[in-house]
Amino acid sequence: MISSMKGRKLLIGFIGVTQEAIGVLTIVFCYVLYYNLFDVLNWLNIAAEHVALYVLILSVFGFVFIISGFFLIRELLE
């Protein structure tokens, strides 16, 4: 019984940290996309007038991932 609880906590911690990392990477990609660093708009064939919509969608998903990962890590520490 103890090992299953330990495994559950390990899985919760791993998923929480992974979600935090994905959220941060998504926010970083929003920054790169908005400022067109490394000529990303041409690589992805994105029109300049659609950048604001993509940044909005990606930032919302990024913040949701960060908040979800935060709550999973908080549950792990309780």
N, C-alpha and C. Protein backbone atom coordinates (compact mmCIF):
# COMPACT_ATOMS: atom_id res chain seq x y z
N MET A 1 0.82 -1.20 0.00
CA MET A 1 0.00 0.00 0.00
C MET A 1 0.86 1.26 0.00
N ILE A 2 1.96 1.21 0.73
CA ILE A 2 2.82 2.38 0.81
C ILE A 2 3.48 2.65 -0.53
N SER A 3 3.89 1.60 -1.23
CA SER A 3 4.57 1.80 -2.50
C SER A 3 3.63 2.38 -3.56
N SER A 4 2.34 2.03 -3.51
CA SER A 4 1.42 2.61 -4.48
C SER A 4 1.21 4.10 -4.24
N MET A 5 1.21 4.51 -2.98
CA MET A 5 1.10 5.93 -2.67
C MET A 5 2.37 6.67 -3.09
N LYS A 6 3.51 6.01 -2.91
CA LYS A 6 4.76 6.62 -3.32
C LYS A 6 4.82 6.74 -4.84
N GLY A 7 4.34 5.72 -5.53
CA GLY A 7 4.29 5.76 -6.99
C GLY A 7 3.33 6.83 -7.49
N ARG A 8 2.21 6.98 -6.81
CA ARG A 8 1.23 8.00 -7.18
C ARG A 8 1.83 9.39 -7.02
N LYS A 9 2.51 9.62 -5.90
CA LYS A 9 3.13 10.93 -5.67
C LYS A 9 4.22 11.20 -6.70
N LEU A 10 4.99 10.18 -7.05
CA LEU A 10 6.02 10.34 -8.06
C LEU A 10 5.42 10.68 -9.41
N LEU A 11 4.33 10.01 -9.77
CA LEU A 11 3.65 10.29 -11.04
C LEU A 11 3.05 11.69 -11.04
N ILE A 12 2.44 12.10 -9.95
CA ILE A 12 1.86 13.44 -9.85
C ILE A 12 2.96 14.49 -9.99
N GLY A 13 4.09 14.26 -9.33
CA GLY A 13 5.20 15.21 -9.43
C GLY A 13 5.75 15.29 -10.83
N PHE A 14 5.92 14.16 -11.48
CA PHE A 14 6.44 14.14 -12.85
C PHE A 14 5.50 14.86 -13.81
N ILE A 15 4.22 14.58 -13.71
CA ILE A 15 3.24 15.22 -14.60
C ILE A 15 3.16 16.72 -14.31
N GLY A 16 3.21 17.11 -13.04
CA GLY A 16 3.16 18.53 -12.69
C GLY A 16 4.34 19.30 -13.24
N VAL A 17 5.53 18.75 -13.08
CA VAL A 17 6.73 19.42 -13.59
C VAL A 17 6.71 19.46 -15.11
N THR A 18 6.24 18.39 -15.74
CA THR A 18 6.15 18.35 -17.20
C THR A 18 5.17 19.40 -17.71
N GLN A 19 4.03 19.54 -17.05
CA GLN A 19 3.06 20.56 -17.46
C GLN A 19 3.62 21.97 -17.27
N GLU A 20 4.34 22.18 -16.18
CA GLU A 20 4.97 23.49 -15.98
C GLU A 20 5.95 23.78 -17.11
N ALA A 21 6.76 22.81 -17.47
CA ALA A 21 7.76 23.01 -18.53
C ALA A 21 7.09 23.28 -19.87
N ILE A 22 6.04 22.54 -20.19
CA ILE A 22 5.32 22.77 -21.45
C ILE A 22 4.69 24.16 -21.46
N GLY A 23 4.14 24.58 -20.34
CA GLY A 23 3.55 25.92 -20.26
C GLY A 23 4.58 27.02 -20.45
N VAL A 24 5.74 26.87 -19.82
CA VAL A 24 6.79 27.88 -19.97
C VAL A 24 7.31 27.90 -21.40
N LEU A 25 7.50 26.73 -22.00
CA LEU A 25 7.96 26.67 -23.39
C LEU A 25 6.94 27.28 -24.34
N THR A 26 5.66 27.11 -24.04
CA THR A 26 4.62 27.72 -24.87
C THR A 26 4.67 29.24 -24.78
N ILE A 27 4.87 29.76 -23.58
CA ILE A 27 4.96 31.21 -23.41
C ILE A 27 6.21 31.75 -24.11
N VAL A 28 7.31 31.02 -24.03
CA VAL A 28 8.54 31.43 -24.73
C VAL A 28 8.30 31.41 -26.23
N PHE A 29 7.60 30.40 -26.74
CA PHE A 29 7.31 30.35 -28.17
C PHE A 29 6.41 31.52 -28.58
N CYS A 30 5.49 31.93 -27.71
CA CYS A 30 4.67 33.11 -28.00
C CYS A 30 5.54 34.34 -28.18
N TYR A 31 6.51 34.50 -27.30
CA TYR A 31 7.44 35.63 -27.41
C TYR A 31 8.21 35.57 -28.73
N VAL A 32 8.72 34.39 -29.06
CA VAL A 32 9.48 34.22 -30.30
C VAL A 32 8.59 34.50 -31.51
N LEU A 33 7.36 34.04 -31.46
CA LEU A 33 6.43 34.24 -32.57
C LEU A 33 6.05 35.72 -32.71
N TYR A 34 5.78 36.38 -31.60
CA TYR A 34 5.34 37.77 -31.65
C TYR A 34 6.43 38.70 -32.19
N TYR A 35 7.66 38.49 -31.74
CA TYR A 35 8.76 39.34 -32.17
C TYR A 35 9.47 38.80 -33.41
N ASN A 36 8.99 37.69 -33.95
CA ASN A 36 9.50 37.07 -35.16
C ASN A 36 11.01 36.82 -35.08
N LEU A 37 11.43 36.30 -33.94
CA LEU A 37 12.82 35.93 -33.79
C LEU A 37 13.11 34.70 -34.66
N PHE A 38 14.28 34.64 -35.21
CA PHE A 38 14.72 33.52 -36.04
C PHE A 38 13.86 33.34 -37.29
N ASP A 39 13.15 34.37 -37.68
CA ASP A 39 12.30 34.35 -38.89
C ASP A 39 11.27 33.21 -38.84
N VAL A 40 10.63 33.08 -37.70
CA VAL A 40 9.68 31.99 -37.47
C VAL A 40 8.45 32.11 -38.36
N LEU A 41 8.02 33.31 -38.63
CA LEU A 41 6.81 33.48 -39.45
C LEU A 41 6.99 32.89 -40.84
N ASN A 42 8.17 33.03 -41.41
CA ASN A 42 8.41 32.42 -42.72
C ASN A 42 8.54 30.91 -42.63
N TRP A 43 9.19 30.43 -41.57
CA TRP A 43 9.32 28.97 -41.39
C TRP A 43 7.97 28.29 -41.31
N LEU A 44 7.06 28.91 -40.55
CA LEU A 44 5.74 28.31 -40.33
C LEU A 44 4.69 28.78 -41.34
N ASN A 45 5.11 29.68 -42.24
CA ASN A 45 4.22 30.20 -43.28
C ASN A 45 2.96 30.83 -42.66
N ILE A 46 3.19 31.74 -41.71
CA ILE A 46 2.11 32.42 -41.00
C ILE A 46 2.03 33.85 -41.51
N ALA A 47 0.83 34.29 -41.84
CA ALA A 47 0.62 35.68 -42.25
C ALA A 47 0.75 36.59 -41.03
N ALA A 48 1.29 37.77 -41.24
CA ALA A 48 1.55 38.70 -40.14
C ALA A 48 0.26 39.15 -39.45
N GLU A 49 -0.84 39.21 -40.20
CA GLU A 49 -2.09 39.67 -39.56
C GLU A 49 -2.71 38.63 -38.64
N HIS A 50 -2.25 37.38 -38.69
CA HIS A 50 -2.79 36.32 -37.83
C HIS A 50 -1.95 36.08 -36.58
N VAL A 51 -0.85 36.79 -36.45
CA VAL A 51 0.07 36.56 -35.33
C VAL A 51 -0.61 36.84 -34.00
N ALA A 52 -1.39 37.89 -33.90
CA ALA A 52 -2.04 38.24 -32.63
C ALA A 52 -2.98 37.13 -32.17
N LEU A 53 -3.71 36.52 -33.09
CA LEU A 53 -4.60 35.42 -32.73
C LEU A 53 -3.82 34.21 -32.23
N TYR A 54 -2.74 33.87 -32.92
CA TYR A 54 -1.92 32.73 -32.50
C TYR A 54 -1.28 32.98 -31.14
N VAL A 55 -0.82 34.20 -30.92
CA VAL A 55 -0.21 34.52 -29.63
C VAL A 55 -1.25 34.46 -28.51
N LEU A 56 -2.44 34.93 -28.77
CA LEU A 56 -3.50 34.86 -27.76
C LEU A 56 -3.83 33.41 -27.41
N ILE A 57 -4.03 32.58 -28.42
CA ILE A 57 -4.37 31.17 -28.18
C ILE A 57 -3.24 30.45 -27.45
N LEU A 58 -2.02 30.65 -27.91
CA LEU A 58 -0.88 29.97 -27.28
C LEU A 58 -0.65 30.45 -25.85
N SER A 59 -0.82 31.74 -25.60
CA SER A 59 -0.61 32.24 -24.24
C SER A 59 -1.69 31.72 -23.29
N VAL A 60 -2.92 31.62 -23.74
CA VAL A 60 -3.98 31.06 -22.89
C VAL A 60 -3.66 29.61 -22.53
N PHE A 61 -3.31 28.82 -23.54
CA PHE A 61 -2.95 27.42 -23.26
C PHE A 61 -1.71 27.33 -22.39
N GLY A 62 -0.75 28.20 -22.60
CA GLY A 62 0.46 28.19 -21.77
C GLY A 62 0.15 28.47 -20.32
N PHE A 63 -0.66 29.49 -20.05
CA PHE A 63 -1.01 29.81 -18.68
C PHE A 63 -1.86 28.73 -18.04
N VAL A 64 -2.73 28.08 -18.81
CA VAL A 64 -3.52 26.97 -18.26
C VAL A 64 -2.60 25.81 -17.87
N PHE A 65 -1.62 25.51 -18.70
CA PHE A 65 -0.67 24.45 -18.37
C PHE A 65 0.13 24.81 -17.13
N ILE A 66 0.57 26.05 -17.02
CA ILE A 66 1.35 26.46 -15.85
C ILE A 66 0.52 26.37 -14.58
N ILE A 67 -0.71 26.84 -14.63
CA ILE A 67 -1.57 26.79 -13.44
C ILE A 67 -1.89 25.35 -13.06
N SER A 68 -2.18 24.50 -14.05
CA SER A 68 -2.48 23.10 -13.78
C SER A 68 -1.27 22.40 -13.17
N GLY A 69 -0.10 22.64 -13.71
CA GLY A 69 1.11 22.05 -13.14
C GLY A 69 1.37 22.54 -11.74
N PHE A 70 1.11 23.82 -11.49
CA PHE A 70 1.28 24.37 -10.15
C PHE A 70 0.37 23.67 -9.15
N PHE A 71 -0.89 23.45 -9.52
CA PHE A 71 -1.81 22.78 -8.59
C PHE A 71 -1.43 21.33 -8.36
N LEU A 72 -0.91 20.65 -9.39
CA LEU A 72 -0.45 19.27 -9.19
C LEU A 72 0.74 19.23 -8.24
N ILE A 73 1.68 20.15 -8.40
CA ILE A 73 2.83 20.18 -7.51
C ILE A 73 2.40 20.56 -6.09
N ARG A 74 1.45 21.45 -5.98
CA ARG A 74 0.92 21.83 -4.67
C ARG A 74 0.25 20.63 -3.99
N GLU A 75 -0.47 19.83 -4.76
CA GLU A 75 -1.10 18.63 -4.20
C GLU A 75 -0.04 17.64 -3.75
N LEU A 76 1.05 17.58 -4.47
CA LEU A 76 2.15 16.67 -4.10
C LEU A 76 2.76 17.07 -2.76
N LEU A 77 2.88 18.36 -2.51
CA LEU A 77 3.54 18.84 -1.30
C LEU A 77 2.64 18.78 -0.07
N GLU A 78 1.35 18.58 -0.25
CA GLU A 78 0.44 18.50 0.90
C GLU A 78 0.50 17.16 1.57
